[in-house]
Amino acid sequence: MLGLVLLAFVGFILLLGVRRPFMWVLLYVYIDILAPQRIAWGLIQNLQISMIAFLAAFGGYVLLDRKEYFSVSARQIILALLLAYCFWTTGNADFPVEAQTKWEWVWKALLFAIFLPFTLTSRARLEALALTLVLAVGMIVIATGMKIVLGGGGYGNLNFFVDENSGIYESSTLATVVIALTPLIWWFTRYGTIFKPHWTVSLFGVALIFACLLIPVGTEARTGLLCIAALGVLLLRYSKRRMLFIVGAASLGLAALPFLPQSYYERMATIAEPGGDESASTRVAVWKWTIDYASENPLGGGFDAYRGNSFAYEMPIKQESGNTTTVQLRQVIDEARAYHSSIFEVLGEQGWPGLILWLTLHALGLWQMERIGARWRKREKAAERQGGLGEDEAWIAPMATALQLASCIYLVGALFQGIAYQPVVLMIIGLQIGLHSYCQRIDAVRAKEGVDSRRDRRPKRGQSGGEVPVAGAATGAAS
């Protein structure tokens, strides 16, 4: 029954897209994040709905959508170069079969991120994409939050919509993504137009943010705790009452401590003492191996090149006997260990050229969002004397800030996870590019209006002053 409902929903959006082709773009975003074909049973599992929506999104834009604001940005060029380079390293990969498996989803994520900004030509479309991202991830968050509250959690024990540990359904990845999206959720409670600001919208937004904060607790993902800490530190920059913010955040954290399970304390303790946890202690060894590998293979080894690693390390093992605790070092030999870091993931797979492209892509995004936020906040202050910016412009700086915070939180989480090509993050990059292009169009219009205005004020031949003559003055001079 669930499969038929989801299939009917997909079919309905496909029909709507005939008149509004941008709906097909949103449909692909929904399917790519939530993966309804893996949630339900029946006919929907046998249909390639993801590929259908992918082709519909591209075909709808090419054949049906307006292209009046078509332009290519520097970050889209970087994405295209990264895509081409990944294609080349896949063809020369150390492990061709495994590399091809990863390439089958990476190329779609990168290509869609390149394509997405072309369709984001208005505020309505920017907001619709952001809302689709929030609600698609929010469906997972709400269901998971209810399971945490009602049935507890635990690392590796919390089931989501699908019974697999990959993509956004991997616990650490989900924890990073949901914390990254919390600033965007708050933005909708203040500036949304699809669901206009209202106490019901604010209540839903606060509840959804609370559920997002529950995810790192329920999944016991250490990266999620680091992302929450990073979010708190970053928000200090925008808080007008910083001491009150610090005291409030500390009070909420202390109030939550009695409700946390003992397993959560034990797992979070490995952040300060990574040597006591096998997963944490192998990361440094893998990173060292990757650096050595990149020095010998500066162009990278293709996707899943980590399968060639092998190393030995010593891990302390605690043994308790009565009131006595002894620590013994045990040698562990490990091989084919994943990177556990996006930076080392890109370095090992795409080499130094790929890492430079990847870092430039994110650094440029942070810089662009910073410039947009600063410029439009400055305009807002200048416009306060005339009553402030209009509703059609006041949303820009806060959205740029929310998207910048999302990138910062993602980069913190990416330091300890191999999520360099996470589709949701690439969609956020597409949203950033779309907002940047939108602001450039506004600036271009304003610049043109300013030039025209100055041209109108130039004195015409025979006039002594710089003022534009009015009809009455001209008539009087003639008489």
Protein backbone atom coordinates (compact mmCIF):
# COMPACT_ATOMS: atom_id res chain seq x y z
CA MET A 1 0.00 0.00 0.00
CA LEU A 2 2.82 2.39 0.90
CA GLY A 3 4.48 1.68 -2.42
CA LEU A 4 1.33 2.61 -4.33
CA VAL A 5 0.95 5.87 -2.38
CA LEU A 6 4.55 6.88 -3.06
CA LEU A 7 4.25 5.88 -6.70
CA ALA A 8 1.05 7.91 -7.06
CA PHE A 9 2.79 10.92 -5.53
CA VAL A 10 5.71 10.61 -7.96
CA GLY A 11 3.30 10.29 -10.89
CA PHE A 12 1.34 13.35 -9.73
CA ILE A 13 4.51 15.51 -9.61
CA LEU A 14 5.49 14.25 -13.06
CA LEU A 15 2.13 15.46 -14.38
CA LEU A 16 2.51 18.84 -12.68
CA GLY A 17 5.90 19.24 -14.31
CA VAL A 18 4.34 19.40 -17.77
CA ARG A 19 3.18 22.93 -16.91
CA ARG A 20 5.90 23.70 -14.36
CA PRO A 21 9.11 21.86 -15.40
CA PHE A 22 10.95 23.06 -12.28
CA MET A 23 8.76 20.60 -10.34
CA TRP A 24 10.78 17.80 -11.94
CA VAL A 25 13.95 19.27 -10.46
CA LEU A 26 12.36 19.23 -7.01
CA LEU A 27 11.09 15.70 -7.60
CA TYR A 28 14.61 14.44 -8.29
CA VAL A 29 15.88 16.17 -5.13
CA TYR A 30 13.16 14.44 -3.11
CA ILE A 31 13.86 11.02 -4.62
CA ASP A 32 17.63 11.32 -4.41
CA ILE A 33 17.52 12.20 -0.71
CA LEU A 34 14.70 10.06 0.62
CA ALA A 35 14.99 7.11 -1.83
CA PRO A 36 11.28 6.09 -1.68
CA GLN A 37 12.00 3.10 -3.92
CA ARG A 38 13.99 1.61 -1.04
CA ILE A 39 11.39 2.42 1.60
CA ALA A 40 8.39 0.65 0.08
CA TRP A 41 7.77 -2.71 -1.57
CA GLY A 42 6.14 -3.70 -4.82
CA LEU A 43 6.16 -2.05 -8.22
CA ILE A 44 8.04 1.06 -7.09
CA GLN A 45 11.15 -1.05 -6.41
CA ASN A 46 11.24 -2.29 -9.99
CA LEU A 47 10.95 1.16 -11.57
CA GLN A 48 14.00 3.36 -12.08
CA ILE A 49 12.18 6.38 -10.64
CA SER A 50 15.44 8.11 -9.74
CA MET A 51 16.70 7.96 -13.32
CA ILE A 52 13.27 8.94 -14.65
CA ALA A 53 13.23 12.05 -12.45
CA PHE A 54 16.87 12.80 -13.34
CA LEU A 55 16.15 12.74 -17.07
CA ALA A 56 12.88 14.66 -16.58
CA ALA A 57 14.70 17.43 -14.69
CA PHE A 58 17.24 17.90 -17.48
CA GLY A 59 14.74 17.40 -20.31
CA GLY A 60 12.21 19.76 -18.78
CA TYR A 61 14.78 22.52 -18.52
CA VAL A 62 16.10 22.02 -22.06
CA LEU A 63 12.73 21.70 -23.76
CA LEU A 64 10.21 23.59 -21.63
CA ASP A 65 11.85 26.00 -19.21
CA ARG A 66 12.84 29.62 -19.77
CA LYS A 67 16.56 30.33 -20.14
CA GLU A 68 16.57 34.11 -19.95
CA TYR A 69 19.11 34.24 -17.11
CA PHE A 70 21.52 31.57 -18.35
CA SER A 71 25.07 32.08 -17.09
CA VAL A 72 27.98 29.91 -15.98
CA SER A 73 29.73 30.64 -12.69
CA ALA A 74 33.30 29.94 -11.61
CA ARG A 75 32.16 27.26 -9.15
CA GLN A 76 30.24 25.43 -11.86
CA ILE A 77 33.46 25.35 -13.91
CA ILE A 78 35.30 23.94 -10.89
CA LEU A 79 32.60 21.28 -10.47
CA ALA A 80 32.90 20.41 -14.18
CA LEU A 81 36.69 20.10 -13.87
CA LEU A 82 36.30 17.90 -10.80
CA LEU A 83 33.77 15.73 -12.66
CA ALA A 84 36.11 15.35 -15.64
CA TYR A 85 39.05 14.55 -13.38
CA CYS A 86 37.04 11.93 -11.47
CA PHE A 87 36.15 10.36 -14.83
CA TRP A 88 39.84 10.17 -15.73
CA THR A 89 40.93 8.67 -12.40
CA THR A 90 38.08 6.13 -12.59
CA GLY A 91 39.46 4.94 -15.93
CA ASN A 92 42.90 4.55 -14.33
CA ALA A 93 41.81 3.34 -10.89
CA ASP A 94 43.75 0.89 -8.74
CA PHE A 95 40.53 -1.06 -8.20
CA PRO A 96 38.48 -0.65 -11.41
CA VAL A 97 35.39 -2.62 -10.34
CA GLU A 98 34.97 -0.88 -6.99
CA ALA A 99 35.77 2.50 -8.53
CA GLN A 100 33.09 2.02 -11.16
CA THR A 101 30.52 1.27 -8.44
CA LYS A 102 31.21 4.58 -6.70
CA TRP A 103 31.42 6.47 -10.00
CA GLU A 104 27.86 5.39 -10.87
CA TRP A 105 26.42 7.70 -8.21
CA VAL A 106 29.15 10.34 -7.92
CA TRP A 107 28.84 11.51 -11.54
CA LYS A 108 25.10 12.07 -11.12
CA ALA A 109 25.60 14.06 -7.92
CA LEU A 110 28.29 16.27 -9.50
CA LEU A 111 26.42 16.74 -12.78
CA PHE A 112 23.20 17.66 -10.98
CA ALA A 113 25.09 20.22 -8.85
CA ILE A 114 26.44 21.78 -12.07
CA PHE A 115 22.97 21.82 -13.63
CA LEU A 116 20.97 23.01 -10.61
CA PRO A 117 21.96 26.73 -10.64
CA PHE A 118 20.69 27.11 -14.22
CA THR A 119 17.16 26.46 -12.96
CA LEU A 120 17.34 28.78 -9.90
CA THR A 121 16.26 31.98 -11.60
CA SER A 122 14.00 33.50 -8.93
CA ARG A 123 13.47 33.78 -5.21
CA ALA A 124 10.54 31.38 -5.43
CA ARG A 125 12.74 28.70 -6.97
CA LEU A 126 15.58 29.25 -4.51
CA GLU A 127 13.14 28.93 -1.64
CA ALA A 128 11.38 25.91 -3.15
CA LEU A 129 14.68 24.04 -3.48
CA ALA A 130 15.74 24.93 0.06
CA LEU A 131 12.33 23.84 1.39
CA THR A 132 12.50 20.54 -0.49
CA LEU A 133 15.94 19.86 1.02
CA VAL A 134 14.70 20.65 4.52
CA LEU A 135 11.48 18.65 4.29
CA ALA A 136 13.02 15.62 2.56
CA VAL A 137 15.71 15.37 5.24
CA GLY A 138 13.11 16.37 7.82
CA MET A 139 11.05 13.25 7.08
CA ILE A 140 14.02 11.12 8.13
CA VAL A 141 14.68 13.36 11.13
CA ILE A 142 11.10 13.25 12.42
CA ALA A 143 10.82 9.48 12.14
CA THR A 144 14.24 8.96 13.70
CA GLY A 145 13.56 11.47 16.49
CA MET A 146 10.36 9.64 17.42
CA LYS A 147 12.26 6.35 17.61
CA ILE A 148 14.90 7.95 19.82
CA VAL A 149 12.34 9.39 22.23
CA LEU A 150 10.14 6.28 22.36
CA GLY A 151 12.62 3.46 21.96
CA GLY A 152 16.12 4.78 22.53
CA GLY A 153 19.01 4.64 20.10
CA GLY A 154 22.59 3.51 20.08
CA TYR A 155 25.45 3.53 17.64
CA GLY A 156 24.64 1.19 14.75
CA ASN A 157 21.38 0.08 16.39
CA LEU A 158 19.01 2.81 15.25
CA ASN A 159 17.07 1.90 12.11
CA PHE A 160 15.91 4.62 9.76
CA PHE A 161 13.46 4.34 6.85
CA VAL A 162 15.76 1.86 5.11
CA ASP A 163 17.74 -1.01 6.57
CA GLU A 164 21.16 -0.05 5.25
CA ASN A 165 24.11 2.00 6.39
CA SER A 166 24.99 4.10 3.36
CA GLY A 167 24.43 7.56 1.93
CA ILE A 168 22.48 9.93 4.10
CA TYR A 169 21.15 6.95 6.06
CA GLU A 170 24.62 6.38 7.55
CA SER A 171 24.37 7.65 11.13
CA SER A 172 27.37 10.02 11.16
CA THR A 173 26.46 11.41 7.73
CA LEU A 174 22.87 12.04 8.82
CA ALA A 175 24.05 13.72 12.03
CA THR A 176 26.30 16.09 10.06
CA VAL A 177 23.70 16.94 7.41
CA VAL A 178 20.85 17.65 9.84
CA ILE A 179 22.96 19.95 12.02
CA ALA A 180 24.14 21.75 8.86
CA LEU A 181 20.51 22.35 7.84
CA THR A 182 19.35 23.82 11.16
CA PRO A 183 20.22 27.45 10.19
CA LEU A 184 18.18 27.03 7.03
CA ILE A 185 15.23 25.71 9.06
CA TRP A 186 15.40 28.81 11.23
CA TRP A 187 15.49 30.98 8.10
CA PHE A 188 12.10 29.61 7.04
CA THR A 189 10.54 30.65 10.33
CA ARG A 190 11.47 34.28 9.59
CA TYR A 191 11.53 34.80 5.82
CA GLY A 192 9.64 31.99 4.12
CA THR A 193 6.94 32.82 1.57
CA ILE A 194 5.71 29.34 0.68
CA PHE A 195 4.82 28.89 4.35
CA LYS A 196 4.72 32.46 5.61
CA PRO A 197 5.97 33.30 9.11
CA HIS A 198 3.34 32.27 11.63
CA TRP A 199 3.37 30.79 15.10
CA THR A 200 2.56 27.37 13.64
CA VAL A 201 5.55 27.60 11.27
CA SER A 202 7.78 28.72 14.14
CA LEU A 203 6.54 25.87 16.34
CA PHE A 204 7.22 23.31 13.61
CA GLY A 205 10.65 24.83 12.95
CA VAL A 206 11.65 24.74 16.62
CA ALA A 207 10.41 21.15 16.95
CA LEU A 208 12.32 20.11 13.82
CA ILE A 209 15.53 21.77 15.07
CA PHE A 210 15.09 19.95 18.38
CA ALA A 211 14.70 16.67 16.48
CA CYS A 212 17.85 17.49 14.49
CA LEU A 213 19.77 17.98 17.74
CA LEU A 214 18.46 14.60 18.93
CA ILE A 215 20.00 12.76 15.97
CA PRO A 216 23.64 12.90 17.19
CA VAL A 217 22.42 11.78 20.62
CA GLY A 218 20.31 8.89 19.35
CA THR A 219 22.91 7.68 16.84
CA GLU A 220 25.79 8.31 19.28
CA ALA A 221 27.73 9.79 16.39
CA ARG A 222 30.81 11.58 17.70
CA THR A 223 30.95 13.75 14.58
CA GLY A 224 27.45 15.01 15.34
CA LEU A 225 28.57 16.30 18.75
CA LEU A 226 31.45 18.16 17.10
CA CYS A 227 29.02 19.67 14.58
CA ILE A 228 26.73 20.87 17.38
CA ALA A 229 29.72 22.46 19.10
CA ALA A 230 30.78 24.10 15.83
CA LEU A 231 27.25 25.45 15.30
CA GLY A 232 27.22 26.95 18.78
CA VAL A 233 30.57 28.67 18.26
CA LEU A 234 29.59 30.01 14.84
CA LEU A 235 26.28 31.40 16.12
CA LEU A 236 28.17 33.55 18.61
CA ARG A 237 29.17 35.77 15.70
CA TYR A 238 25.54 36.64 14.97
CA SER A 239 24.27 36.77 18.55
CA LYS A 240 23.61 40.24 19.93
CA ARG A 241 23.64 38.97 23.53
CA ARG A 242 26.54 36.57 23.54
CA MET A 243 26.81 35.99 27.27
CA LEU A 244 23.10 35.19 27.48
CA PHE A 245 23.51 32.83 24.52
CA ILE A 246 26.47 31.05 26.17
CA VAL A 247 24.68 30.72 29.52
CA GLY A 248 21.50 29.46 27.83
CA ALA A 249 23.34 26.90 25.70
CA ALA A 250 25.34 25.67 28.70
CA SER A 251 22.18 25.39 30.80
CA LEU A 252 20.39 23.35 28.15
CA GLY A 253 23.41 21.08 27.80
CA LEU A 254 23.63 20.50 31.56
CA ALA A 255 19.88 19.90 31.79
CA ALA A 256 20.13 17.19 29.13
CA LEU A 257 22.97 15.28 30.79
CA PRO A 258 20.82 13.21 33.22
CA PHE A 259 18.73 11.90 30.31
CA LEU A 260 21.67 10.64 28.24
CA PRO A 261 22.43 6.90 28.33
CA GLN A 262 25.73 5.60 29.70
CA SER A 263 26.67 4.27 26.27
CA TYR A 264 26.60 7.84 24.95
CA TYR A 265 29.11 9.00 27.59
CA GLU A 266 31.40 6.08 26.83
CA ARG A 267 31.37 6.72 23.10
CA MET A 268 31.86 10.49 23.41
CA ALA A 269 34.83 9.86 25.74
CA THR A 270 36.74 8.42 22.78
CA ILE A 271 36.90 11.95 21.28
CA ALA A 272 39.37 12.94 24.00
CA GLU A 273 41.02 9.48 24.07
CA PRO A 274 40.86 8.13 20.51
CA GLY A 275 43.47 5.51 21.22
CA GLY A 276 40.99 3.48 23.23
CA ASP A 277 38.62 2.98 20.32
CA GLU A 278 39.56 0.89 17.30
CA SER A 279 37.55 3.00 14.85
CA ALA A 280 39.10 6.24 16.11
CA SER A 281 42.65 4.94 16.52
CA THR A 282 42.86 3.69 12.93
CA ARG A 283 42.09 7.11 11.47
CA VAL A 284 45.50 8.60 12.14
CA ALA A 285 47.14 5.50 10.68
CA VAL A 286 44.98 5.72 7.54
CA TRP A 287 45.72 9.43 7.15
CA LYS A 288 49.48 8.80 7.39
CA TRP A 289 49.18 6.03 4.80
CA THR A 290 47.21 8.33 2.48
CA ILE A 291 49.87 11.05 2.65
CA ASP A 292 52.56 8.51 1.79
CA TYR A 293 50.39 7.12 -1.01
CA ALA A 294 49.80 10.60 -2.46
CA SER A 295 53.54 11.31 -2.44
CA GLU A 296 54.04 8.26 -4.66
CA ASN A 297 50.80 8.74 -6.65
CA PRO A 298 50.25 12.53 -6.83
CA LEU A 299 47.44 12.14 -9.39
CA GLY A 300 45.45 9.79 -7.15
CA GLY A 301 44.43 6.17 -7.36
CA GLY A 302 40.76 6.49 -8.28
CA PHE A 303 37.71 5.78 -6.17
CA ASP A 304 38.18 3.32 -3.29
CA ALA A 305 41.98 3.45 -3.54
CA TYR A 306 42.01 2.91 0.24
CA ARG A 307 41.48 -0.81 -0.42
CA GLY A 308 45.20 -1.05 -1.01
CA ASN A 309 46.22 0.12 2.46
CA SER A 310 47.71 -2.12 5.11
CA PHE A 311 49.31 -1.07 8.39
CA ALA A 312 49.95 -2.11 11.97
CA TYR A 313 49.32 -0.02 15.08
CA GLU A 314 49.19 -0.49 18.84
CA MET A 315 45.94 0.00 20.69
CA PRO A 316 45.70 0.14 24.51
CA ILE A 317 43.38 -2.45 26.01
CA LYS A 318 42.02 -1.81 29.51
CA GLN A 319 41.48 -4.79 31.82
CA GLU A 320 39.75 -4.39 35.17
CA SER A 321 40.28 -6.79 38.03
CA GLY A 322 38.53 -5.68 41.20
CA ASN A 323 39.71 -2.18 41.96
CA THR A 324 42.75 -2.51 39.71
CA THR A 325 42.84 -1.40 36.08
CA THR A 326 45.72 -2.45 33.87
CA VAL A 327 46.47 -1.25 30.37
CA GLN A 328 48.15 -3.46 27.82
CA LEU A 329 49.21 -2.57 24.31
CA ARG A 330 47.95 -4.92 21.62
CA GLN A 331 49.27 -4.84 18.09
CA VAL A 332 46.50 -4.65 15.52
CA ILE A 333 47.02 -5.26 11.81
CA ASP A 334 44.44 -3.62 9.61
CA GLU A 335 43.95 -3.34 5.87
CA ALA A 336 41.47 -1.84 3.39
CA ARG A 337 40.47 0.71 6.01
CA ALA A 338 38.33 3.63 4.79
CA TYR A 339 39.68 7.18 4.89
CA HIS A 340 37.38 8.54 7.63
CA SER A 341 38.01 12.05 6.29
CA SER A 342 36.81 13.82 3.16
CA ILE A 343 40.12 15.61 2.76
CA PHE A 344 42.08 12.37 2.73
CA GLU A 345 39.35 10.71 0.68
CA VAL A 346 39.84 13.24 -2.12
CA LEU A 347 43.63 13.22 -1.72
CA GLY A 348 43.86 9.44 -2.01
CA GLU A 349 41.33 9.10 -4.82
CA GLN A 350 41.91 12.24 -6.90
CA GLY A 351 45.40 13.21 -5.80
CA TRP A 352 46.64 16.74 -5.27
CA PRO A 353 44.83 18.20 -8.34
CA GLY A 354 41.49 16.88 -7.13
CA LEU A 355 42.08 18.09 -3.57
CA ILE A 356 42.95 21.59 -4.81
CA LEU A 357 39.72 21.69 -6.85
CA TRP A 358 37.64 20.41 -3.94
CA LEU A 359 39.09 22.86 -1.40
CA THR A 360 38.80 25.76 -3.86
CA LEU A 361 35.14 24.87 -4.48
CA HIS A 362 34.26 25.12 -0.79
CA ALA A 363 36.54 28.08 0.02
CA LEU A 364 35.04 30.09 -2.83
CA GLY A 365 31.54 29.29 -1.57
CA LEU A 366 32.35 30.51 1.94
CA TRP A 367 33.83 33.71 0.51
CA GLN A 368 30.87 34.38 -1.79
CA MET A 369 28.31 33.84 0.98
CA GLU A 370 30.35 36.11 3.26
CA ARG A 371 30.40 38.87 0.63
CA ILE A 372 26.67 38.56 -0.06
CA GLY A 373 25.82 38.63 3.65
CA ALA A 374 28.08 41.60 4.38
CA ARG A 375 26.91 43.59 1.35
CA TRP A 376 23.20 43.12 1.98
CA ARG A 377 23.49 43.71 5.72
CA LYS A 378 25.24 46.97 4.88
CA ARG A 379 22.40 47.89 2.51
CA GLU A 380 19.87 47.04 5.20
CA LYS A 381 21.55 49.41 7.66
CA ALA A 382 21.69 52.15 5.03
CA ALA A 383 18.00 51.61 4.22
CA GLU A 384 16.85 51.75 7.86
CA ARG A 385 16.45 55.52 7.55
CA GLN A 386 13.85 54.92 4.82
CA GLY A 387 12.16 52.12 6.74
CA GLY A 388 14.51 49.25 5.93
CA LEU A 389 14.82 46.94 2.97
CA GLY A 390 11.70 45.68 1.30
CA GLU A 391 10.37 42.20 1.94
CA ASP A 392 11.71 41.14 -1.46
CA GLU A 393 15.30 41.89 -0.38
CA ALA A 394 15.50 41.48 3.40
CA TRP A 395 15.76 37.69 3.08
CA ILE A 396 18.99 37.63 1.06
CA ALA A 397 21.61 38.25 3.76
CA PRO A 398 20.05 35.76 6.23
CA MET A 399 19.90 33.05 3.55
CA ALA A 400 23.54 33.66 2.63
CA THR A 401 24.44 33.35 6.30
CA ALA A 402 22.43 30.13 6.68
CA LEU A 403 24.10 28.60 3.63
CA GLN A 404 27.53 29.69 4.85
CA LEU A 405 26.89 28.10 8.25
CA ALA A 406 25.74 24.92 6.50
CA SER A 407 29.04 24.73 4.63
CA CYS A 408 31.09 25.41 7.74
CA ILE A 409 29.33 22.68 9.73
CA TYR A 410 29.66 20.25 6.84
CA LEU A 411 33.39 20.92 6.59
CA VAL A 412 33.79 20.24 10.31
CA GLY A 413 31.97 16.94 9.94
CA ALA A 414 33.83 16.13 6.72
CA LEU A 415 37.13 16.21 8.60
CA PHE A 416 36.17 12.88 10.17
CA GLN A 417 34.00 11.27 7.47
CA GLY A 418 34.43 10.29 3.85
CA ILE A 419 31.52 12.38 2.53
CA ALA A 420 33.29 14.51 -0.08
CA TYR A 421 30.58 13.84 -2.70
CA GLN A 422 27.50 13.74 -0.44
CA PRO A 423 24.55 14.63 -2.75
CA VAL A 424 22.75 16.84 -0.20
CA VAL A 425 25.90 18.91 0.29
CA LEU A 426 26.38 19.24 -3.47
CA MET A 427 22.77 20.44 -3.71
CA ILE A 428 23.55 23.07 -1.05
CA ILE A 429 26.49 24.13 -3.22
CA GLY A 430 24.09 24.44 -6.17
CA LEU A 431 21.80 26.56 -3.98
CA GLN A 432 24.73 28.81 -3.04
CA ILE A 433 25.66 29.27 -6.70
CA GLY A 434 22.04 30.07 -7.54
CA LEU A 435 21.83 32.70 -4.78
CA HIS A 436 25.12 34.25 -5.89
CA SER A 437 23.92 34.49 -9.51
CA TYR A 438 20.59 35.93 -8.36
CA CYS A 439 22.37 38.67 -6.39
CA GLN A 440 24.63 39.42 -9.34
CA ARG A 441 21.54 40.01 -11.51
CA ILE A 442 20.10 42.39 -8.91
CA ASP A 443 23.40 44.28 -8.72
CA ALA A 444 23.56 44.48 -12.52
CA VAL A 445 20.04 45.93 -12.69
CA ARG A 446 20.84 48.45 -9.96
CA ALA A 447 24.07 49.44 -11.69
CA LYS A 448 22.20 49.96 -14.98
CA GLU A 449 19.50 52.00 -13.24
CA GLY A 450 22.21 54.10 -11.61
CA VAL A 451 23.90 54.77 -14.97
CA ASP A 452 20.58 55.68 -16.58
CA SER A 453 19.75 57.96 -13.65
CA ARG A 454 23.08 59.74 -13.90
CA ARG A 455 22.68 60.06 -17.68
CA ASP A 456 19.28 61.69 -17.16
CA ARG A 457 20.85 64.24 -14.80
CA ARG A 458 23.53 65.36 -17.30
CA PRO A 459 22.98 68.94 -18.56
CA LYS A 460 21.86 69.03 -22.13
CA ARG A 461 23.42 71.39 -24.67
CA GLY A 462 22.45 74.96 -23.91
CA GLN A 463 21.76 74.33 -20.20
CA SER A 464 24.01 75.78 -17.52
CA GLY A 465 23.07 73.57 -14.65
CA GLY A 466 23.05 69.82 -14.03
CA GLU A 467 19.38 69.54 -13.13
CA VAL A 468 16.89 67.96 -15.47
CA PRO A 469 14.57 70.73 -16.77
CA VAL A 470 10.93 70.40 -15.92
CA ALA A 471 8.10 71.25 -18.29
CA GLY A 472 7.16 74.54 -16.66
CA ALA A 473 10.70 75.89 -16.73
CA ALA A 474 11.11 74.94 -20.35
CA THR A 475 7.84 76.70 -21.25
CA GLY A 476 8.79 79.82 -19.37
CA ALA A 477 12.15 80.06 -21.10
CA ALA A 478 10.52 79.70 -24.47
CA SER A 479 8.04 82.49 -23.81
